[in-house]
Structures are given as C-alpha cells and as structure tokens.
Amino acid sequence: MLYTLLIIVIFRIGSVIPAPFLDTTVVSEWMGANASDGNFLNYLDTLTGGALSKATIFSLSITPFINASIIVQLLTYALPPLERLSKEGTEGRKVLNKISAYVALFLAVIMSLAYYLTMKSAGAVKYTTGFDGVFCMITIMLVFIAGAMLIVWLGNRVNEKGIGNGISIILFAGIIARMPVDVIDMLTLAKDEPNPYVFIVPIVLIIYVAMITFIVFMNESERRIPIQYAKRVVGRKQYGGQNTHIPVKVCMSGVMPIIFAMAFMSLPSTIGMFIEPAENPETFGEKFYAGFLNFFSYNSPWYAILYFILIIAFNYFYVSMQYNPVEIANNLRQNNGGIPGIRPGKPTSDYIQRVLSKITIVGAFFLGIIAIFPIFFSMAVPDLSGLAMGGTSILIVVNVALETVRTLESQMMMRNHKGFLE
C-alpha cells in the first residue's frame, strides 16, 4: 500500500510540472473557454486530474493507454491470432499488454501532435517559426509522449509491487484530485450567492450520495443462471451432482459503452474547434454546418437523446463480444452440466441469449441514466455545469474503489489475515 501511495504521489507531482515552451496561462484560458459544460475536452481534463488544462508533462495521462486497450480488446474478437493469445493465460496476457503499450505509443504520438497544433493555433506556443519552432515542436511532443508512457510504466509497477489494478488506480487518483476544486467552487458559489445556492449545494451533495449508492447497488447486482451437473460413477467413487450457477452481472460492460458513445458524439464538436461555423451563415452549406454543430451541442436535448440511444447500442455490442451463448452451452454439455428444465445444445444457448438480452437492457438503461444526468443537471443549474464529478466520473471511481477493496480482501485472505470488511 505504501508503494502504491508513492506511485500516486509521483503521478500527482508530474501533473503539476509544466511542459516547456508553452504559456500555461494561455492554455488555461483556452481550456476554460472550450473545455466546459461537460464536453469531451472537459471529460479528458477530468481523467487527467486537471493536467490537460495546465499543460503539464502528464497532460495526456493514461488516455492513450485506455484507447489502446479498447482497440486491442476489440481486435481480439476480430483477429484469430489475438484471440488465441487471450486464451493462453498469463503469458498471452503479457503479450497483449505489450501490444497495447505499442499501440498506446502510436496514439500518444498522434495525440501529442494534435495537442501541439491546437495550442499553436491558440497562441500558447512560444516559438513557432524557423529552427526554434521545429525544436520547440519536437520537444513538446517528446515530453508529452514520455509522460504518457511513464504513466503506463508506473501503472505496471503498481501491478507488480503494489496492490494491483495500476492503471485503474492512477485513473482513480486523477479523478479524485479534482474533488477539492469542485467542493471549493460550490462553497464559494454558496458564499457569494447564498440565495438560492445555500439550498442547492446541500441538495447536490445528497444527489451525489444517492448516485453512489445506486451505482454500488447496480454494480453488485447479478442474475444467477442455475447449473446442475450430472452424477457419474467411476469405480466406487461418485463425481458431479453438485448445483452451482453462472453469475451474469447487470452492468457487465462497465463504463466502456459510455466512452464509445462519448467519443462518437464528440466528433462534431471536435471538428467545430478546427473549422468554426460562420457567425452569420448565408449559404445553404454554412446554414447546414451551423445547424449540424448546434444539433450536437452538449446543451441540446437531441444530444442527450442520441447519446442515450448510442449507449444502449454500444452496451449490446460490448456484451455480445464478451458473452458467447453457444460457447457457454457447448462447455456445459462437455462437462455434463445443464440448466434445469432446459435441454442441452441450442435450447440452452437460446435460453442464455434471452437472459442476456433482458439483463443487458437493464444495464444499458442504468448506464444511460448515469451518463445523461450531468446534461440535465447543467441545464437546471448552469453555474455548476463544470463539476468534474459527473455521473461517468462517479461510475469510474466507484468501480475502481470496489475492485481495489476486493483485491485487498483477497490478498489479506491469502496471508491468513481476517478480512477488514467483517
């Protein structure tokens, strides 16, 4: 635990060291104007613990590795060689982690270049022309790339010598680091404008507690499919005959559908940052482009509706990749197991598919409600729309906290210590 705490301290120190050749004041002003109202930039800034808006050496944080992990995970189900590696146990996972690290390096190069070009257009880069400009660009990009890969290395050290879940712990630390800022902002707002925020702020805190309770309940909920194994006699010994179950989590896909949907919905606003619409559109193309960007505006109700639908669709897509009812039915048949009242083979796979469909829709609606809550909250209370602890952030924090508690509990039980939760 002390080693993990040391890694977190190193991460937080790197999150306040500014990158060279960048005017941090200009970067903060630009991020304050563009990374607001809970949009994708604001979400990335939350994941990095505010490092993105401060132009520090850890500005990219773990976002390249998260994106790389998602890409490799998707390719695992599409490419047979990667699928074979995923089934080879510990050694196969080590190879997949190396592949993810190389993909993360490639994404870090692209993201650092995009960040440099964005800051250059905002006027935050000190040298932009001649040899000084080229040297400045290379230095800034190398600093961002090195920071992103250093965080991956720190996460691996937590996996090996710490409490485990290294990348998740760093993600957790980055989000939690923004909590004091949010609390101070709410208290300042309640002090400056006591009417009506002296009543709204306590209500917001109660809503957060209720959301955490709801997320914990849904995260721990599961549907248990009963399994019964046939008895068989070998010599004088009897094998099988026990009853067990297949646990199916209600929220088995975690936060991935939200990340997919958010990445898709952020594309129009990202394009709008580079190609701004005309202030007074006259032609059909200008009017269409302005209307298109307005349709995908974060404060638009159509944005929330489309966002909700995409989360449901991506949740079904992600669950279909994780669970293969036909493979589960075949494994049960090979091990002389079956579902009581259901014939082996296709009837079993159909039954499991029906159960998955019902559970998936419940989990999808849960994720959708958590994701769109900040949108309606920002509409109701515009002054508090910049809170970092939105529904998605709380979902990540709670999931990481629960997983860390399980890891600590299992480690204590392995060392013959009594569980600290009892």
Protein backbone atom coordinates (compact mmCIF):
# COMPACT_ATOMS: atom_id res chain seq x y z
CA MET A 1 0.00 0.00 0.00
CA LEU A 2 2.89 2.37 0.75
CA TYR A 3 4.44 1.60 -2.64
CA THR A 4 1.13 2.35 -4.35
CA LEU A 5 0.86 5.60 -2.40
CA LEU A 6 4.38 6.54 -3.56
CA ILE A 7 3.38 5.96 -7.20
CA ILE A 8 0.29 8.16 -6.72
CA VAL A 9 2.47 10.93 -5.25
CA ILE A 10 4.84 10.72 -8.23
CA PHE A 11 1.83 10.91 -10.58
CA ARG A 12 0.46 13.99 -8.82
CA ILE A 13 3.89 15.70 -8.83
CA GLY A 14 4.20 15.11 -12.57
CA SER A 15 0.70 16.52 -13.03
CA VAL A 16 1.82 19.98 -11.86
CA ILE A 17 5.21 20.22 -13.64
CA PRO A 18 4.60 22.39 -16.75
CA ALA A 19 5.81 21.32 -20.17
CA PRO A 20 8.49 23.55 -21.76
CA PHE A 21 7.83 26.27 -24.38
CA LEU A 22 4.12 26.55 -23.50
CA ASP A 23 2.38 29.54 -21.95
CA THR A 24 0.31 27.86 -19.23
CA THR A 25 -1.81 30.99 -18.74
CA VAL A 26 -2.95 30.93 -22.37
CA VAL A 27 -3.56 27.18 -22.19
CA SER A 28 -5.71 27.55 -19.06
CA GLU A 29 -7.74 30.36 -20.63
CA TRP A 30 -8.29 28.36 -23.83
CA MET A 31 -9.28 25.22 -21.93
CA GLY A 32 -11.57 27.27 -19.69
CA ALA A 33 -13.38 28.57 -22.77
CA ASN A 34 -13.54 25.27 -24.70
CA ALA A 35 -13.41 22.50 -22.07
CA SER A 36 -16.64 23.42 -20.33
CA ASP A 37 -20.23 22.29 -19.88
CA GLY A 38 -19.12 18.67 -19.53
CA ASN A 39 -17.99 18.24 -23.14
CA PHE A 40 -15.35 15.74 -24.26
CA LEU A 41 -12.41 18.05 -23.52
CA ASN A 42 -13.78 18.62 -20.03
CA TYR A 43 -14.08 14.84 -19.62
CA LEU A 44 -10.45 14.32 -20.72
CA ASP A 45 -9.31 17.05 -18.36
CA THR A 46 -11.14 15.27 -15.55
CA LEU A 47 -9.46 11.94 -16.36
CA THR A 48 -6.03 13.61 -16.27
CA GLY A 49 -6.69 15.27 -12.92
CA GLY A 50 -6.58 18.76 -14.45
CA ALA A 51 -3.18 18.16 -16.08
CA LEU A 52 -4.56 18.73 -19.59
CA SER A 53 -5.67 22.29 -18.82
CA LYS A 54 -2.36 23.07 -17.10
CA ALA A 55 -0.12 21.82 -19.97
CA THR A 56 1.97 19.61 -17.67
CA ILE A 57 4.24 16.70 -18.59
CA PHE A 58 1.37 14.31 -17.77
CA SER A 59 -1.18 16.17 -19.92
CA LEU A 60 -2.05 13.02 -21.90
CA SER A 61 -2.11 10.93 -18.73
CA ILE A 62 -3.47 7.40 -19.33
CA THR A 63 -5.84 8.32 -22.16
CA PRO A 64 -3.55 6.83 -24.89
CA PHE A 65 -3.29 3.55 -22.98
CA ILE A 66 -7.05 3.41 -22.32
CA ASN A 67 -7.80 3.96 -26.00
CA ALA A 68 -5.14 1.41 -26.97
CA SER A 69 -6.61 -1.17 -24.58
CA ILE A 70 -10.06 -0.66 -26.08
CA ILE A 71 -8.71 -1.04 -29.62
CA VAL A 72 -6.75 -4.21 -28.78
CA GLN A 73 -9.73 -5.65 -26.93
CA LEU A 74 -11.97 -5.08 -29.93
CA LEU A 75 -9.37 -6.57 -32.28
CA THR A 76 -9.11 -9.62 -30.01
CA TYR A 77 -12.59 -10.65 -31.11
CA ALA A 78 -11.89 -9.86 -34.77
CA LEU A 79 -8.38 -11.29 -35.33
CA PRO A 80 -7.81 -15.02 -34.62
CA PRO A 81 -4.10 -14.61 -33.58
CA LEU A 82 -5.06 -12.12 -30.87
CA GLU A 83 -7.97 -14.32 -29.82
CA ARG A 84 -5.58 -17.24 -29.35
CA LEU A 85 -3.30 -15.06 -27.24
CA SER A 86 -6.21 -14.07 -24.97
CA LYS A 87 -6.84 -17.76 -24.25
CA GLU A 88 -3.22 -18.61 -23.40
CA GLY A 89 -3.41 -17.45 -19.80
CA THR A 90 -0.80 -15.26 -18.12
CA GLU A 91 1.77 -15.42 -20.94
CA GLY A 92 -0.82 -14.50 -23.54
CA ARG A 93 -1.97 -11.52 -21.47
CA LYS A 94 1.64 -10.32 -21.18
CA VAL A 95 1.96 -10.32 -24.98
CA LEU A 96 -1.36 -8.46 -25.31
CA ASN A 97 -0.17 -5.89 -22.76
CA LYS A 98 2.99 -5.32 -24.84
CA ILE A 99 0.87 -4.87 -27.96
CA SER A 100 -1.34 -2.41 -26.07
CA ALA A 101 1.76 -0.49 -24.97
CA TYR A 102 2.99 -0.16 -28.58
CA VAL A 103 -0.46 0.97 -29.74
CA ALA A 104 -0.52 3.45 -26.84
CA LEU A 105 2.84 4.83 -28.01
CA PHE A 106 1.45 5.34 -31.51
CA LEU A 107 -1.68 7.05 -30.14
CA ALA A 108 0.46 9.20 -27.84
CA VAL A 109 2.38 10.49 -30.89
CA ILE A 110 -0.89 11.40 -32.66
CA MET A 111 -2.45 12.98 -29.55
CA SER A 112 0.69 14.98 -28.72
CA LEU A 113 0.80 16.33 -32.29
CA ALA A 114 -2.89 17.27 -32.12
CA TYR A 115 -2.37 18.95 -28.74
CA TYR A 116 0.62 20.90 -30.07
CA LEU A 117 -1.27 22.09 -33.16
CA THR A 118 -4.26 23.11 -31.04
CA MET A 119 -2.11 25.09 -28.62
CA LYS A 120 -0.21 26.62 -31.53
CA SER A 121 -3.45 27.91 -33.06
CA ALA A 122 -4.44 29.24 -29.62
CA GLY A 123 -1.18 31.18 -29.37
CA ALA A 124 0.20 29.25 -26.39
CA VAL A 125 3.45 28.08 -28.09
CA LYS A 126 6.36 30.46 -27.55
CA TYR A 127 8.33 29.61 -30.76
CA THR A 128 6.53 28.73 -33.98
CA THR A 129 8.85 29.61 -36.88
CA GLY A 130 12.27 28.57 -38.12
CA PHE A 131 14.60 26.16 -36.38
CA ASP A 132 13.36 27.30 -32.97
CA GLY A 133 9.81 26.38 -33.96
CA VAL A 134 10.81 22.89 -35.13
CA PHE A 135 12.88 22.28 -31.99
CA CYS A 136 10.01 23.57 -29.85
CA MET A 137 7.50 21.24 -31.54
CA ILE A 138 9.74 18.17 -31.17
CA THR A 139 10.47 18.95 -27.52
CA ILE A 140 6.82 19.46 -26.59
CA MET A 141 5.75 16.27 -28.35
CA LEU A 142 8.55 14.21 -26.79
CA VAL A 143 7.68 15.49 -23.32
CA PHE A 144 4.01 14.54 -23.74
CA ILE A 145 4.87 11.12 -25.21
CA ALA A 146 7.39 10.40 -22.46
CA GLY A 147 4.86 11.44 -19.80
CA ALA A 148 2.17 9.15 -21.22
CA MET A 149 4.50 6.15 -21.40
CA LEU A 150 5.91 6.88 -17.93
CA ILE A 151 2.39 6.63 -16.53
CA VAL A 152 1.98 3.23 -18.21
CA TRP A 153 5.26 2.15 -16.57
CA LEU A 154 4.07 3.44 -13.18
CA GLY A 155 0.83 1.50 -13.57
CA ASN A 156 2.76 -1.69 -14.33
CA ARG A 157 4.88 -1.15 -11.21
CA VAL A 158 1.70 -0.95 -9.13
CA ASN A 159 0.58 -4.23 -10.69
CA GLU A 160 3.86 -5.93 -9.79
CA LYS A 161 4.77 -4.41 -6.42
CA GLY A 162 1.67 -2.57 -5.28
CA ILE A 163 -1.93 -3.56 -4.65
CA GLY A 164 -2.69 -4.21 -8.33
CA ASN A 165 -5.03 -2.51 -10.83
CA GLY A 166 -2.29 0.02 -11.55
CA ILE A 167 -3.87 1.87 -14.46
CA SER A 168 -7.22 1.99 -12.67
CA ILE A 169 -5.57 3.35 -9.51
CA ILE A 170 -3.92 6.16 -11.49
CA LEU A 171 -7.23 6.93 -13.21
CA PHE A 172 -8.90 6.95 -9.78
CA ALA A 173 -6.27 9.33 -8.39
CA GLY A 174 -6.67 11.71 -11.34
CA ILE A 175 -10.44 12.00 -10.90
CA ILE A 176 -10.31 12.25 -7.11
CA ALA A 177 -7.73 15.05 -7.39
CA ARG A 178 -10.42 17.30 -8.86
CA MET A 179 -12.83 16.81 -5.95
CA PRO A 180 -11.33 19.53 -3.68
CA VAL A 181 -11.60 22.04 -6.54
CA ASP A 182 -15.28 21.17 -7.05
CA VAL A 183 -16.01 21.43 -3.33
CA ILE A 184 -14.29 24.82 -3.11
CA ASP A 185 -16.20 26.07 -6.17
CA MET A 186 -19.53 25.01 -4.66
CA LEU A 187 -18.73 26.58 -1.28
CA THR A 188 -17.56 29.80 -2.95
CA LEU A 189 -20.75 29.96 -5.02
CA ALA A 190 -22.89 29.37 -1.92
CA LYS A 191 -20.97 32.11 -0.08
CA ASP A 192 -21.15 34.68 -2.89
CA GLU A 193 -24.77 33.96 -3.83
CA PRO A 194 -26.47 32.48 -0.76
CA ASN A 195 -29.83 32.82 -2.44
CA PRO A 196 -30.52 30.19 -3.82
CA TYR A 197 -27.23 28.22 -3.75
CA VAL A 198 -27.14 27.83 0.00
CA PHE A 199 -30.04 25.40 -0.53
CA ILE A 200 -28.91 23.98 -3.87
CA VAL A 201 -25.41 22.91 -2.74
CA PRO A 202 -26.67 20.54 0.03
CA ILE A 203 -29.17 19.08 -2.44
CA VAL A 204 -26.33 18.45 -4.90
CA LEU A 205 -24.34 16.64 -2.21
CA ILE A 206 -27.37 14.48 -1.37
CA ILE A 207 -27.79 13.66 -5.07
CA TYR A 208 -24.14 12.56 -5.26
CA VAL A 209 -24.56 10.26 -2.25
CA ALA A 210 -27.72 8.79 -3.80
CA MET A 211 -25.90 8.25 -7.11
CA ILE A 212 -23.03 6.46 -5.38
CA THR A 213 -25.50 4.20 -3.56
CA PHE A 214 -27.35 3.48 -6.80
CA ILE A 215 -24.12 2.71 -8.68
CA VAL A 216 -22.90 0.34 -5.94
CA PHE A 217 -26.25 -1.47 -5.92
CA MET A 218 -26.33 -1.88 -9.71
CA ASN A 219 -22.64 -2.79 -9.90
CA GLU A 220 -23.10 -5.63 -7.41
CA SER A 221 -26.40 -6.87 -8.87
CA GLU A 222 -26.33 -10.07 -10.88
CA ARG A 223 -28.63 -12.65 -12.43
CA ARG A 224 -27.70 -16.20 -11.48
CA ILE A 225 -28.44 -18.91 -14.03
CA PRO A 226 -28.75 -22.25 -12.15
CA ILE A 227 -26.49 -25.08 -13.35
CA GLN A 228 -26.74 -28.75 -12.38
CA TYR A 229 -24.04 -31.31 -13.18
CA ALA A 230 -24.96 -34.93 -13.83
CA LYS A 231 -23.77 -37.66 -11.50
CA ARG A 232 -21.30 -40.23 -12.78
CA VAL A 233 -19.76 -43.19 -11.00
CA VAL A 234 -16.12 -44.18 -11.59
CA GLY A 235 -15.29 -47.36 -9.64
CA ARG A 236 -16.57 -46.78 -6.14
CA LYS A 237 -16.43 -43.01 -6.33
CA GLN A 238 -19.18 -40.67 -7.43
CA TYR A 239 -18.38 -37.45 -9.28
CA GLY A 240 -20.58 -34.49 -10.15
CA GLY A 241 -24.10 -34.00 -8.98
CA GLN A 242 -23.45 -30.57 -7.47
CA ASN A 243 -25.56 -27.49 -8.11
CA THR A 244 -23.99 -24.16 -9.00
CA HIS A 245 -24.80 -21.11 -11.10
CA ILE A 246 -23.46 -18.78 -13.79
CA PRO A 247 -23.34 -15.19 -12.45
CA VAL A 248 -24.39 -12.63 -15.05
CA LYS A 249 -23.63 -9.07 -13.98
CA VAL A 250 -26.33 -6.48 -14.66
CA CYS A 251 -23.64 -3.91 -15.51
CA MET A 252 -21.11 -6.28 -17.07
CA SER A 253 -19.74 -3.82 -19.65
CA GLY A 254 -18.71 -1.17 -17.12
CA VAL A 255 -18.03 2.30 -18.44
CA MET A 256 -16.95 1.20 -21.95
CA PRO A 257 -20.30 1.93 -23.73
CA ILE A 258 -20.24 5.46 -22.30
CA ILE A 259 -16.68 6.01 -23.55
CA PHE A 260 -17.59 4.72 -27.03
CA ALA A 261 -20.73 6.87 -27.22
CA MET A 262 -18.92 9.95 -25.90
CA ALA A 263 -16.11 9.54 -28.45
CA PHE A 264 -18.70 9.31 -31.26
CA MET A 265 -20.71 12.29 -30.01
CA SER A 266 -17.59 14.43 -29.56
CA LEU A 267 -16.55 14.19 -33.22
CA PRO A 268 -18.75 17.09 -34.47
CA SER A 269 -17.65 19.43 -31.66
CA THR A 270 -14.02 18.47 -32.30
CA ILE A 271 -14.43 19.30 -35.99
CA GLY A 272 -16.07 22.58 -34.99
CA MET A 273 -12.98 23.53 -32.96
CA PHE A 274 -10.84 23.43 -36.11
CA ILE A 275 -13.45 24.59 -38.64
CA GLU A 276 -15.54 27.22 -36.92
CA PRO A 277 -19.01 27.96 -38.36
CA ALA A 278 -19.76 31.36 -39.84
CA GLU A 279 -21.22 33.93 -37.44
CA ASN A 280 -23.92 34.92 -39.96
CA PRO A 281 -24.42 31.91 -42.24
CA GLU A 282 -25.87 32.83 -45.61
CA THR A 283 -25.39 29.92 -47.99
CA PHE A 284 -27.11 26.56 -47.62
CA GLY A 285 -23.81 24.86 -46.76
CA GLU A 286 -23.00 27.34 -44.00
CA LYS A 287 -26.50 27.06 -42.53
CA PHE A 288 -26.39 23.26 -42.67
CA TYR A 289 -22.97 23.16 -40.98
CA ALA A 290 -24.07 25.56 -38.23
CA GLY A 291 -27.27 23.59 -37.67
CA PHE A 292 -25.32 20.32 -37.62
CA LEU A 293 -22.98 21.61 -34.89
CA ASN A 294 -25.92 23.05 -32.95
CA PHE A 295 -27.68 19.66 -33.10
CA PHE A 296 -24.64 18.04 -31.47
CA SER A 297 -24.27 20.80 -28.89
CA TYR A 298 -23.88 19.45 -25.36
CA ASN A 299 -26.81 21.53 -24.10
CA SER A 300 -29.18 20.32 -26.80
CA PRO A 301 -31.92 17.87 -25.74
CA TRP A 302 -31.38 15.98 -29.02
CA TYR A 303 -27.78 15.42 -27.92
CA ALA A 304 -29.00 13.71 -24.74
CA ILE A 305 -31.50 11.53 -26.64
CA LEU A 306 -28.97 10.39 -29.25
CA TYR A 307 -26.35 9.90 -26.54
CA PHE A 308 -28.74 7.66 -24.60
CA ILE A 309 -29.56 5.57 -27.69
CA LEU A 310 -25.88 5.14 -28.57
CA ILE A 311 -25.08 3.95 -25.05
CA ILE A 312 -27.76 1.26 -25.32
CA ALA A 313 -26.47 0.19 -28.74
CA PHE A 314 -22.82 0.06 -27.65
CA ASN A 315 -23.78 -1.81 -24.49
CA TYR A 316 -25.41 -4.56 -26.56
CA PHE A 317 -22.38 -4.59 -28.86
CA TYR A 318 -19.91 -4.89 -25.98
CA VAL A 319 -21.91 -7.61 -24.19
CA SER A 320 -22.20 -9.62 -27.42
CA MET A 321 -18.40 -9.65 -27.63
CA GLN A 322 -17.94 -10.69 -24.02
CA TYR A 323 -20.54 -13.45 -23.86
CA ASN A 324 -20.98 -16.20 -26.44
CA PRO A 325 -24.09 -18.24 -25.52
CA VAL A 326 -23.21 -21.01 -27.99
CA GLU A 327 -19.75 -21.45 -26.46
CA ILE A 328 -21.20 -21.48 -22.92
CA ALA A 329 -23.77 -24.11 -23.94
CA ASN A 330 -21.07 -26.29 -25.54
CA ASN A 331 -18.87 -26.06 -22.43
CA LEU A 332 -21.78 -27.09 -20.23
CA ARG A 333 -22.50 -30.10 -22.46
CA GLN A 334 -18.85 -31.19 -22.45
CA ASN A 335 -18.76 -31.05 -18.63
CA ASN A 336 -22.08 -32.95 -18.24
CA GLY A 337 -23.79 -29.83 -16.99
CA GLY A 338 -27.07 -28.23 -17.91
CA ILE A 339 -29.75 -25.78 -16.89
CA PRO A 340 -32.65 -27.48 -15.05
CA GLY A 341 -35.67 -27.76 -17.34
CA ILE A 342 -33.69 -26.75 -20.46
CA ARG A 343 -32.42 -29.29 -22.98
CA PRO A 344 -28.69 -29.18 -23.88
CA GLY A 345 -27.47 -27.64 -27.11
CA LYS A 346 -29.43 -24.97 -28.96
CA PRO A 347 -32.25 -24.65 -26.36
CA THR A 348 -29.60 -23.87 -23.73
CA SER A 349 -27.89 -21.25 -25.88
CA ASP A 350 -31.27 -19.67 -26.73
CA TYR A 351 -32.18 -19.52 -23.05
CA ILE A 352 -28.87 -17.88 -22.14
CA GLN A 353 -29.34 -15.42 -25.02
CA ARG A 354 -32.80 -14.45 -23.72
CA VAL A 355 -31.43 -13.91 -20.22
CA LEU A 356 -28.55 -11.80 -21.57
CA SER A 357 -30.95 -9.67 -23.62
CA LYS A 358 -33.09 -8.87 -20.58
CA ILE A 359 -30.12 -8.17 -18.32
CA THR A 360 -28.39 -6.07 -20.99
CA ILE A 361 -31.33 -3.71 -21.42
CA VAL A 362 -31.43 -3.12 -17.65
CA GLY A 363 -27.70 -2.40 -17.55
CA ALA A 364 -27.93 -0.19 -20.65
CA PHE A 365 -30.69 1.97 -19.13
CA PHE A 366 -28.66 2.26 -15.94
CA LEU A 367 -25.58 3.48 -17.85
CA GLY A 368 -27.72 5.82 -19.93
CA ILE A 369 -29.28 7.44 -16.86
CA ILE A 370 -25.88 7.88 -15.22
CA ALA A 371 -24.40 9.39 -18.41
CA ILE A 372 -27.15 11.87 -19.29
CA PHE A 373 -27.69 13.05 -15.72
CA PRO A 374 -24.91 15.72 -15.96
CA ILE A 375 -26.52 17.09 -19.14
CA PHE A 376 -29.87 17.80 -17.49
CA PHE A 377 -28.08 18.91 -14.32
CA SER A 378 -26.12 21.54 -16.28
CA MET A 379 -29.38 22.69 -17.89
CA ALA A 380 -31.04 23.06 -14.48
CA VAL A 381 -28.05 24.64 -12.69
CA PRO A 382 -25.77 26.30 -15.30
CA ASP A 383 -23.36 27.69 -12.69
CA LEU A 384 -22.48 24.16 -11.53
CA SER A 385 -22.18 22.65 -15.01
CA GLY A 386 -18.39 22.50 -14.76
CA LEU A 387 -18.33 20.00 -11.89
CA ALA A 388 -15.82 17.27 -12.65
CA MET A 389 -17.66 14.65 -10.64
CA GLY A 390 -20.33 13.88 -13.19
CA GLY A 391 -22.14 10.59 -13.50
CA THR A 392 -19.44 8.92 -15.59
CA SER A 393 -16.67 10.02 -13.23
CA ILE A 394 -18.56 8.71 -10.20
CA LEU A 395 -19.14 5.42 -12.02
CA ILE A 396 -15.39 5.06 -12.69
CA VAL A 397 -14.44 6.00 -9.12
CA VAL A 398 -16.93 3.59 -7.54
CA ASN A 399 -15.94 0.70 -9.84
CA VAL A 400 -12.23 1.20 -9.14
CA ALA A 401 -12.85 1.51 -5.40
CA LEU A 402 -14.89 -1.71 -5.28
CA GLU A 403 -12.31 -3.58 -7.35
CA THR A 404 -9.48 -2.34 -5.11
CA VAL A 405 -11.36 -3.43 -2.00
CA ARG A 406 -11.83 -6.92 -3.49
CA THR A 407 -8.12 -7.10 -4.35
CA LEU A 408 -7.06 -6.05 -0.84
CA GLU A 409 -9.51 -8.51 0.69
CA SER A 410 -8.18 -11.41 -1.40
CA GLN A 411 -4.57 -10.52 -0.56
CA MET A 412 -5.34 -10.42 3.16
CA MET A 413 -7.11 -13.77 2.99
CA MET A 414 -4.11 -15.29 1.18
CA ARG A 415 -1.92 -14.18 4.10
CA ASN A 416 -4.32 -15.73 6.63
CA HIS A 417 -5.48 -12.37 7.98
CA LYS A 418 -9.04 -11.72 8.92
CA GLY A 419 -10.93 -9.65 6.37
CA PHE A 420 -11.09 -5.98 7.28
CA LEU A 421 -14.65 -5.69 5.98
CA GLU A 422 -16.01 -8.16 8.55
